[in-house]
N, C-alpha and C. Protein backbone atom coordinates (compact mmCIF):
# COMPACT_ATOMS: atom_id res chain seq x y z
N MET A 1 136.57 62.12 148.88
CA MET A 1 136.04 63.31 148.28
C MET A 1 134.77 63.01 147.59
N SER A 2 133.73 63.77 147.78
CA SER A 2 132.40 63.46 147.29
C SER A 2 132.40 63.99 145.87
N THR A 3 131.59 63.12 144.97
CA THR A 3 131.45 63.51 143.53
C THR A 3 130.25 64.42 143.33
N ASP A 4 129.33 64.41 144.37
CA ASP A 4 128.07 65.34 144.20
C ASP A 4 128.60 66.72 144.41
N GLN A 5 128.14 67.58 143.49
CA GLN A 5 128.49 69.01 143.62
C GLN A 5 127.49 69.71 144.49
N GLU A 6 127.94 70.43 145.43
CA GLU A 6 127.03 71.26 146.24
C GLU A 6 126.62 72.44 145.43
N PRO A 7 125.37 72.90 145.56
CA PRO A 7 124.91 74.04 144.86
C PRO A 7 125.66 75.40 145.35
N VAL A 8 125.95 76.26 144.48
CA VAL A 8 126.55 77.48 144.87
C VAL A 8 125.50 78.43 144.90
N PHE A 9 125.37 79.27 145.95
CA PHE A 9 124.33 80.25 146.15
C PHE A 9 124.82 81.67 146.01
N LEU A 10 124.02 82.61 145.40
CA LEU A 10 124.37 83.93 145.33
C LEU A 10 123.43 84.77 146.10
N ALA A 11 123.75 85.93 146.59
CA ALA A 11 122.80 86.83 147.21
C ALA A 11 121.97 87.51 146.16
N PRO A 12 120.75 88.00 146.45
CA PRO A 12 120.02 88.73 145.51
C PRO A 12 120.75 89.96 144.90
N ALA A 13 121.51 90.58 145.70
CA ALA A 13 122.22 91.76 145.01
C ALA A 13 123.26 91.35 144.04
N GLN A 14 123.90 90.16 144.30
CA GLN A 14 124.82 89.70 143.21
C GLN A 14 124.07 89.26 141.94
N VAL A 15 123.02 88.56 142.05
CA VAL A 15 122.19 88.29 140.92
C VAL A 15 121.56 89.47 140.16
N ALA A 16 121.22 90.38 140.98
CA ALA A 16 120.67 91.67 140.47
C ALA A 16 121.70 92.36 139.45
N GLU A 17 122.94 92.32 140.05
CA GLU A 17 124.03 92.92 139.23
C GLU A 17 124.37 92.12 137.95
N LEU A 18 124.35 90.89 138.03
CA LEU A 18 124.52 89.97 136.87
C LEU A 18 123.37 90.30 135.83
N LEU A 19 122.21 90.46 136.26
CA LEU A 19 121.01 90.56 135.34
C LEU A 19 120.63 92.06 135.05
N SER A 20 121.34 93.04 135.67
CA SER A 20 121.05 94.45 135.50
C SER A 20 119.61 94.80 135.99
N ILE A 21 119.18 94.13 137.11
CA ILE A 21 117.95 94.46 137.71
C ILE A 21 118.13 94.80 139.22
N THR A 22 116.96 95.08 139.86
CA THR A 22 117.11 95.31 141.36
C THR A 22 116.97 94.06 142.08
N PRO A 23 117.59 94.09 143.33
CA PRO A 23 117.34 92.89 144.28
C PRO A 23 115.83 92.58 144.44
N ASP A 24 114.98 93.52 144.59
CA ASP A 24 113.58 93.25 144.67
C ASP A 24 112.98 92.45 143.51
N GLU A 25 113.51 92.80 142.30
CA GLU A 25 112.98 92.18 141.09
C GLU A 25 113.61 90.73 141.09
N VAL A 26 114.74 90.47 141.70
CA VAL A 26 115.29 89.08 141.78
C VAL A 26 114.40 88.24 142.76
N VAL A 27 113.97 88.83 143.86
CA VAL A 27 113.08 88.17 144.76
C VAL A 27 111.72 87.84 144.09
N ALA A 28 111.32 88.82 143.26
CA ALA A 28 110.00 88.60 142.59
C ALA A 28 110.21 87.36 141.61
N LEU A 29 111.31 87.28 140.90
CA LEU A 29 111.53 86.19 139.94
C LEU A 29 111.55 84.84 140.79
N ILE A 30 112.08 84.85 141.95
CA ILE A 30 112.04 83.62 142.78
C ILE A 30 110.58 83.24 143.06
N HIS A 31 109.83 84.19 143.45
CA HIS A 31 108.37 83.97 143.74
C HIS A 31 107.56 83.47 142.63
N GLU A 32 108.09 84.01 141.32
CA GLU A 32 107.37 83.63 140.09
C GLU A 32 107.75 82.16 139.68
N GLY A 33 108.92 81.71 140.24
CA GLY A 33 109.47 80.44 139.86
C GLY A 33 110.44 80.43 138.71
N ALA A 34 110.82 81.72 138.29
CA ALA A 34 111.71 81.86 137.24
C ALA A 34 113.23 81.60 137.69
N LEU A 35 113.49 81.84 138.94
CA LEU A 35 114.71 81.49 139.64
C LEU A 35 114.53 80.53 140.79
N ARG A 36 115.45 79.63 141.04
CA ARG A 36 115.34 78.77 142.21
C ARG A 36 116.15 79.45 143.36
N GLY A 37 115.37 79.75 144.40
CA GLY A 37 116.05 80.36 145.56
C GLY A 37 115.45 79.73 146.83
N THR A 38 116.22 80.00 147.93
CA THR A 38 115.79 79.53 149.26
C THR A 38 116.24 80.53 150.26
N ARG A 39 115.59 80.47 151.43
CA ARG A 39 116.05 81.29 152.55
C ARG A 39 116.94 80.55 153.40
N LEU A 40 118.18 81.10 153.64
CA LEU A 40 119.13 80.47 154.41
C LEU A 40 119.73 81.37 155.54
N GLY A 41 120.16 80.74 156.63
CA GLY A 41 120.83 81.45 157.59
C GLY A 41 119.85 82.01 158.70
N ALA A 42 120.44 82.61 159.75
CA ALA A 42 119.66 83.33 160.86
C ALA A 42 120.17 84.72 160.99
N PRO A 43 119.40 85.67 160.66
CA PRO A 43 118.06 85.77 160.14
C PRO A 43 118.08 85.18 158.63
N ALA A 44 117.02 84.56 158.32
CA ALA A 44 116.87 83.99 156.97
C ALA A 44 116.92 85.04 155.87
N THR A 45 117.77 84.85 154.92
CA THR A 45 117.94 85.72 153.71
C THR A 45 117.87 84.94 152.59
N TRP A 46 117.35 85.56 151.46
CA TRP A 46 117.26 84.89 150.22
C TRP A 46 118.63 84.57 149.67
N ARG A 47 118.71 83.35 148.97
CA ARG A 47 119.96 82.94 148.25
C ARG A 47 119.30 82.30 146.96
N VAL A 48 120.13 82.58 145.86
CA VAL A 48 119.66 81.95 144.57
C VAL A 48 120.75 81.02 144.05
N GLU A 49 120.39 79.92 143.62
CA GLU A 49 121.32 78.88 143.05
C GLU A 49 121.92 79.51 141.81
N LYS A 50 123.29 79.39 141.75
CA LYS A 50 124.05 79.90 140.60
C LYS A 50 123.58 79.27 139.34
N ASP A 51 123.40 77.95 139.31
CA ASP A 51 122.90 77.31 138.08
C ASP A 51 121.45 77.77 137.60
N SER A 52 120.72 78.17 138.60
CA SER A 52 119.41 78.72 138.33
C SER A 52 119.55 80.04 137.45
N VAL A 53 120.57 80.86 137.73
CA VAL A 53 120.76 82.10 137.08
C VAL A 53 121.23 81.78 135.60
N ARG A 54 122.06 80.75 135.47
CA ARG A 54 122.43 80.41 134.16
C ARG A 54 121.31 79.86 133.31
N ASP A 55 120.43 79.08 134.02
CA ASP A 55 119.22 78.55 133.26
C ASP A 55 118.27 79.74 132.95
N TYR A 56 118.15 80.67 133.83
CA TYR A 56 117.26 81.75 133.52
C TYR A 56 117.77 82.58 132.26
N ILE A 57 119.07 82.75 132.33
CA ILE A 57 119.70 83.52 131.18
C ILE A 57 119.53 82.78 129.78
N ASP A 58 119.68 81.44 129.86
CA ASP A 58 119.48 80.58 128.77
C ASP A 58 118.02 80.67 128.21
N ASP A 59 117.05 80.69 129.20
CA ASP A 59 115.69 80.77 128.88
C ASP A 59 115.31 82.04 128.14
N GLN A 60 116.03 83.13 128.77
CA GLN A 60 115.71 84.46 128.15
C GLN A 60 116.22 84.61 126.75
N ASP A 61 117.49 83.92 126.55
CA ASP A 61 118.05 83.96 125.16
C ASP A 61 117.11 83.25 124.21
N GLU A 62 116.60 82.06 124.64
CA GLU A 62 115.72 81.33 123.80
C GLU A 62 114.38 82.06 123.42
N GLN A 63 113.88 82.82 124.50
CA GLN A 63 112.63 83.53 124.17
C GLN A 63 112.99 84.66 123.23
N SER A 64 114.15 85.27 123.42
CA SER A 64 114.56 86.37 122.42
C SER A 64 114.66 85.88 121.04
N ARG A 65 115.36 84.66 120.83
CA ARG A 65 115.46 84.04 119.62
C ARG A 65 114.20 83.71 118.85
N ARG A 66 113.26 83.16 119.74
CA ARG A 66 111.93 82.84 119.24
C ARG A 66 111.16 84.11 118.82
N HIS A 67 111.27 85.19 119.63
CA HIS A 67 110.51 86.43 119.37
C HIS A 67 111.10 86.97 118.04
N ALA A 68 112.47 86.87 117.83
CA ALA A 68 113.03 87.41 116.61
C ALA A 68 112.51 86.64 115.42
N LEU A 69 112.50 85.39 115.47
CA LEU A 69 111.91 84.52 114.44
C LEU A 69 110.46 84.89 114.11
N TRP A 70 109.68 85.04 115.14
CA TRP A 70 108.28 85.27 114.93
C TRP A 70 108.10 86.66 114.31
N HIS A 71 108.86 87.66 114.77
CA HIS A 71 108.82 88.98 114.23
C HIS A 71 109.26 88.99 112.69
N GLU A 72 110.30 88.20 112.43
CA GLU A 72 110.69 88.09 111.08
C GLU A 72 109.70 87.39 110.15
N SER A 73 109.02 86.43 110.63
CA SER A 73 108.02 85.76 109.83
C SER A 73 106.80 86.69 109.69
N ASN A 74 106.54 87.60 110.61
CA ASN A 74 105.43 88.56 110.32
C ASN A 74 105.71 89.63 109.48
N VAL A 75 107.00 89.91 109.28
CA VAL A 75 107.39 91.04 108.39
C VAL A 75 107.32 90.49 107.03
N ALA A 76 107.59 89.27 106.72
CA ALA A 76 107.64 88.70 105.48
C ALA A 76 106.20 88.72 104.82
N SER A 77 106.14 89.17 103.56
CA SER A 77 104.82 89.24 102.88
C SER A 77 104.43 87.87 102.38
N MET A 78 103.27 87.57 102.22
CA MET A 78 102.70 86.37 101.82
C MET A 78 103.32 85.94 100.46
N PRO A 79 103.47 86.73 99.42
CA PRO A 79 104.20 86.35 98.23
C PRO A 79 105.68 85.81 98.44
N GLU A 80 106.27 86.38 99.42
CA GLU A 80 107.66 85.93 99.78
C GLU A 80 107.63 84.61 100.50
N LEU A 81 106.60 84.32 101.18
CA LEU A 81 106.46 82.97 101.92
C LEU A 81 105.90 81.89 100.98
N TRP A 82 104.90 82.14 100.17
CA TRP A 82 104.24 81.18 99.42
C TRP A 82 104.53 81.32 97.93
N GLY A 83 105.21 82.35 97.46
CA GLY A 83 105.40 82.56 96.09
C GLY A 83 104.12 83.35 95.54
N SER A 84 104.32 83.90 94.35
CA SER A 84 103.18 84.67 93.77
C SER A 84 102.33 83.68 92.95
N HIS A 85 101.03 83.66 93.17
CA HIS A 85 100.13 82.90 92.47
C HIS A 85 99.06 83.83 91.89
N SER A 86 98.89 83.79 90.57
CA SER A 86 97.86 84.53 90.03
C SER A 86 96.67 83.68 89.78
N ARG A 87 95.54 84.20 90.16
CA ARG A 87 94.36 83.51 89.86
C ARG A 87 93.78 83.69 88.55
N PRO A 88 93.23 82.60 87.95
CA PRO A 88 92.75 82.87 86.52
C PRO A 88 91.48 83.67 86.49
C-alpha cells in the first residue's frame, strides 16, 4: 500500500456549491491561480484539487481577519491609540 496520498479532485460545480459561487467563477479562480485545477479526461474538463479548496477558504478567512483588524484600527481615535497628550 502506498503512503503517498493521491489528490482528490472535484468538479467546478461541486466547488461552486461549496463556495456559493457559479462554476464559471470557479474556473476564473483557477485561471487567477487562487485554486489549483487541471483539465482531465476526454473530453477534457476542469477538476479542482480538494486541498486547494481548503487552502482557498483558509486564505479567505485570513484576509477577512486582517480586514477586520484594519477596520478596527481605523475606527479607533488617535487618543485611544496613543493616549491624550496636551501640548503646553
